[in-house]
Amino acid sequence: MGVKSLQDRMVPSVYGVGYLGCNLELKTTYNGKKCNIYTQWKNMIERCYNEKFHQLRPTYEGCTVSDEFKDYSKWREWYDKYPYKQDDWQLDKDLLAKGNKIYSSETCVFLPHIINSTLTKSNKTRGEYLIGVYFGTHNNKFKSYLSKRGKKMWLGSFNTEIEAFNAYKQSKESYIKELADKYKDLLDPRAYEALYNYTVDVDD
């Protein structure tokens, strides 16, 4: 590759911010298929800088990627050195620092899908009540469920919203600890500690 190719790789061609970087040996395709690692990187950029994506997932509005991670060569170097991952694990930016909106080498860890999905909140589907709480019009009581391994687990009916929330909070925090222990030997130690200390708050 000549100088022009290197110059091309420094152009922010991925959603206006991401670029391939100076490692000329890195490819984005292998045998005609997109490299999975490149796809993960591109998806990270998309979540932060694609306005059409924000229409579907508004929780990603305001998220950014560090200057280091905008460079695919540097992202790939971090990825290759990061030992706590499996091929089907997902990138997480806000477990180590709750509410964090920056993807960076200091804030990101990889998590099994079951853990990542358990931590993901959907403001679109939760309704008007505290997280984990619903109102039963048939008996005028508050009720709560916990989604556990893809199934809804009934936690009970309560007279007040805060009682229903506390039941959800206790059950979810316990479940997160259970998952942390299950994957302890594979997780980044920082992720394991964050999971064990994870709290469900009323403003989640």
Protein backbone atom coordinates (compact mmCIF):
# COMPACT_ATOMS: atom_id res chain seq x y z
CA MET A 1 0.00 0.00 0.00
CA GLY A 2 1.21 3.49 -0.81
CA VAL A 3 0.88 6.79 0.94
CA LYS A 4 -2.46 7.51 -0.71
CA SER A 5 -3.93 4.34 0.80
CA LEU A 6 -2.74 5.42 4.23
CA GLN A 7 -4.31 8.82 3.68
CA ASP A 8 -7.56 7.14 2.70
CA ARG A 9 -7.52 5.15 5.93
CA MET A 10 -7.36 8.35 7.97
CA VAL A 11 -10.54 9.77 6.40
CA PRO A 12 -13.52 9.56 8.83
CA SER A 13 -15.67 7.48 6.49
CA VAL A 14 -17.79 5.67 9.11
CA TYR A 15 -20.72 7.87 10.17
CA GLY A 16 -18.51 10.91 9.76
CA VAL A 17 -16.21 10.09 12.72
CA GLY A 18 -14.75 6.58 12.44
CA TYR A 19 -11.68 5.78 10.37
CA LEU A 20 -9.52 2.72 9.73
CA GLY A 21 -6.24 4.10 11.08
CA CYS A 22 -2.61 3.50 10.27
CA ASN A 23 -2.38 -0.30 10.58
CA LEU A 24 -2.25 -1.17 6.89
CA GLU A 25 -2.46 -4.91 7.59
CA LEU A 26 -5.93 -4.71 9.13
CA LYS A 27 -8.75 -5.82 6.84
CA THR A 28 -12.48 -5.28 7.20
CA THR A 29 -13.43 -8.37 5.18
CA TYR A 30 -12.18 -11.95 5.06
CA ASN A 31 -13.17 -14.31 2.26
CA GLY A 32 -15.79 -11.82 1.14
CA LYS A 33 -17.43 -11.48 4.57
CA LYS A 34 -17.25 -8.59 6.98
CA CYS A 35 -14.91 -9.20 9.89
CA ASN A 36 -16.97 -9.63 13.08
CA ILE A 37 -14.59 -7.41 15.06
CA TYR A 38 -14.90 -4.65 12.48
CA THR A 39 -18.70 -5.02 12.59
CA GLN A 40 -18.71 -4.59 16.36
CA TRP A 41 -16.63 -1.45 16.00
CA LYS A 42 -18.86 -0.05 13.25
CA ASN A 43 -22.00 -0.81 15.29
CA MET A 44 -20.51 1.07 18.24
CA ILE A 45 -19.97 4.12 16.01
CA GLU A 46 -23.49 3.80 14.61
CA ARG A 47 -25.11 3.73 18.06
CA CYS A 48 -23.55 7.10 18.84
CA TYR A 49 -23.61 8.98 15.54
CA ASN A 50 -26.47 7.66 13.40
CA GLU A 51 -29.57 9.84 13.82
CA LYS A 52 -31.81 7.23 12.21
CA PHE A 53 -30.64 4.72 14.83
CA HIS A 54 -31.53 7.21 17.58
CA GLN A 55 -35.10 7.30 16.30
CA LEU A 56 -35.34 3.59 17.08
CA ARG A 57 -33.17 3.62 20.22
CA PRO A 58 -33.35 7.12 21.73
CA THR A 59 -31.45 6.03 24.86
CA TYR A 60 -28.26 6.28 22.75
CA GLU A 61 -28.72 9.98 22.04
CA GLY A 62 -25.82 11.90 23.56
CA CYS A 63 -23.50 8.89 23.56
CA THR A 64 -20.01 9.39 22.14
CA VAL A 65 -16.90 7.40 21.23
CA SER A 66 -13.47 8.35 22.55
CA ASP A 67 -10.89 9.63 20.08
CA GLU A 68 -8.94 6.41 20.62
CA PHE A 69 -11.90 4.20 19.71
CA LYS A 70 -12.80 6.24 16.63
CA ASP A 71 -9.59 4.80 15.17
CA TYR A 72 -10.28 1.19 14.12
CA SER A 73 -6.57 0.31 14.33
CA LYS A 74 -6.47 1.38 17.98
CA TRP A 75 -9.82 -0.25 18.73
CA ARG A 76 -8.53 -3.50 17.24
CA GLU A 77 -5.34 -3.29 19.29
CA TRP A 78 -7.41 -2.87 22.47
CA TYR A 79 -9.78 -5.66 21.45
CA ASP A 80 -6.99 -8.13 20.75
CA LYS A 81 -5.33 -7.46 24.11
CA TYR A 82 -8.56 -7.52 26.14
CA PRO A 83 -8.72 -11.06 27.58
CA TYR A 84 -12.22 -11.20 29.08
CA LYS A 85 -14.46 -11.89 26.11
CA GLN A 86 -16.10 -14.61 24.05
CA ASP A 87 -17.04 -14.44 20.36
CA ASP A 88 -20.75 -13.92 21.09
CA TRP A 89 -20.36 -11.48 24.00
CA GLN A 90 -21.56 -7.89 23.75
CA LEU A 91 -19.81 -4.59 24.34
CA ASP A 92 -21.02 -2.63 27.39
CA LYS A 93 -20.11 0.98 28.21
CA ASP A 94 -21.98 1.77 31.44
CA LEU A 95 -21.63 -1.13 33.87
CA LEU A 96 -18.38 0.17 35.37
CA ALA A 97 -19.81 3.69 35.62
CA LYS A 98 -23.60 3.75 35.77
CA GLY A 99 -25.04 6.28 33.35
CA ASN A 100 -21.79 6.63 31.41
CA LYS A 101 -22.26 7.65 27.77
CA ILE A 102 -18.68 7.37 26.47
CA TYR A 103 -17.25 4.29 24.77
CA SER A 104 -13.57 4.09 25.70
CA SER A 105 -10.89 1.64 26.80
CA GLU A 106 -11.44 2.75 30.41
CA THR A 107 -15.22 2.30 30.43
CA CYS A 108 -15.91 -0.69 28.18
CA VAL A 109 -16.16 -4.38 29.05
CA PHE A 110 -17.61 -7.39 27.25
CA LEU A 111 -20.55 -9.23 28.81
CA PRO A 112 -22.52 -12.39 27.98
CA HIS A 113 -25.78 -11.58 26.21
CA ILE A 114 -27.89 -12.75 29.17
CA ILE A 115 -26.15 -10.29 31.51
CA ASN A 116 -26.17 -7.41 29.04
CA SER A 117 -29.87 -7.85 28.29
CA THR A 118 -30.67 -8.07 32.01
CA LEU A 119 -29.02 -4.69 32.55
CA THR A 120 -30.68 -3.06 29.54
CA LYS A 121 -33.61 -0.80 30.35
CA SER A 122 -36.36 0.08 27.88
CA ASN A 123 -38.03 3.41 28.61
CA LYS A 124 -40.29 2.79 25.62
CA THR A 125 -41.99 -0.26 27.15
CA ARG A 126 -41.85 0.39 30.90
CA GLY A 127 -44.88 2.67 31.12
CA GLU A 128 -45.53 5.50 33.59
CA TYR A 129 -44.55 3.73 36.81
CA LEU A 130 -41.27 2.94 38.51
CA ILE A 131 -39.09 0.36 36.78
CA GLY A 132 -40.46 -3.15 37.16
CA VAL A 133 -43.90 -1.89 38.29
CA TYR A 134 -47.29 -2.17 36.60
CA PHE A 135 -50.82 -1.29 37.72
CA GLY A 136 -53.56 -3.88 37.72
CA THR A 137 -56.87 -2.22 36.92
CA HIS A 138 -58.76 -5.42 37.74
CA ASN A 139 -57.83 -5.23 41.43
CA ASN A 140 -56.43 -1.67 41.72
CA LYS A 141 -53.10 -2.95 42.99
CA PHE A 142 -49.54 -2.45 41.90
CA LYS A 143 -47.74 -5.54 40.65
CA SER A 144 -44.22 -6.39 39.65
CA TYR A 145 -42.49 -8.93 37.43
CA LEU A 146 -38.88 -9.81 36.79
CA SER A 147 -37.72 -10.98 33.39
CA LYS A 148 -35.50 -13.95 34.15
CA ARG A 149 -33.90 -16.03 31.40
CA GLY A 150 -36.45 -14.76 28.91
CA LYS A 151 -39.49 -15.49 31.09
CA LYS A 152 -41.56 -13.20 33.30
CA MET A 153 -41.41 -14.15 36.97
CA TRP A 154 -44.38 -12.97 39.05
CA LEU A 155 -43.30 -11.11 42.19
CA GLY A 156 -46.69 -10.24 43.66
CA SER A 157 -49.39 -7.56 44.07
CA PHE A 158 -48.91 -4.60 46.40
CA ASN A 159 -50.90 -1.70 47.79
CA THR A 160 -48.30 0.91 46.87
CA GLU A 161 -46.01 1.56 43.94
CA ILE A 162 -42.92 1.71 46.14
CA GLU A 163 -43.68 -1.70 47.68
CA ALA A 164 -43.90 -3.21 44.20
CA PHE A 165 -40.67 -1.48 43.20
CA ASN A 166 -38.82 -2.76 46.28
CA ALA A 167 -39.86 -6.33 45.45
CA TYR A 168 -38.51 -5.86 41.92
CA LYS A 169 -35.33 -4.20 43.19
CA GLN A 170 -34.54 -7.01 45.63
CA SER A 171 -35.23 -9.75 43.07
CA LYS A 172 -33.29 -8.14 40.24
CA GLU A 173 -30.23 -7.34 42.34
CA SER A 174 -30.23 -10.93 43.58
CA TYR A 175 -30.54 -12.26 40.02
CA ILE A 176 -27.65 -10.08 38.81
CA LYS A 177 -25.44 -11.49 41.60
CA GLU A 178 -26.50 -14.99 40.53
CA LEU A 179 -25.41 -14.30 36.94
CA ALA A 180 -22.17 -12.72 38.13
CA ASP A 181 -21.28 -15.84 40.10
CA LYS A 182 -22.17 -18.07 37.15
CA TYR A 183 -19.71 -16.27 34.85
CA LYS A 184 -17.18 -15.20 37.48
CA ASP A 185 -14.24 -17.14 36.03
CA LEU A 186 -14.76 -15.56 32.59
CA LEU A 187 -15.66 -11.98 33.48
CA ASP A 188 -13.38 -9.00 33.73
CA PRO A 189 -12.81 -8.70 37.54
CA ARG A 190 -13.99 -5.08 37.33
CA ALA A 191 -17.23 -6.24 35.71
CA TYR A 192 -17.75 -8.92 38.33
CA GLU A 193 -17.31 -6.39 41.15
CA ALA A 194 -19.66 -3.91 39.45
CA LEU A 195 -22.32 -6.59 39.01
CA TYR A 196 -22.08 -7.61 42.65
CA ASN A 197 -22.44 -3.98 43.72
CA TYR A 198 -25.14 -3.15 41.16
CA THR A 199 -28.17 -1.32 42.54
CA VAL A 200 -31.57 -0.77 40.98
CA ASP A 201 -32.65 2.82 41.65
CA VAL A 202 -36.07 4.44 41.55
CA ASP A 203 -34.96 6.74 38.75
CA ASP A 204 -33.71 3.92 36.50
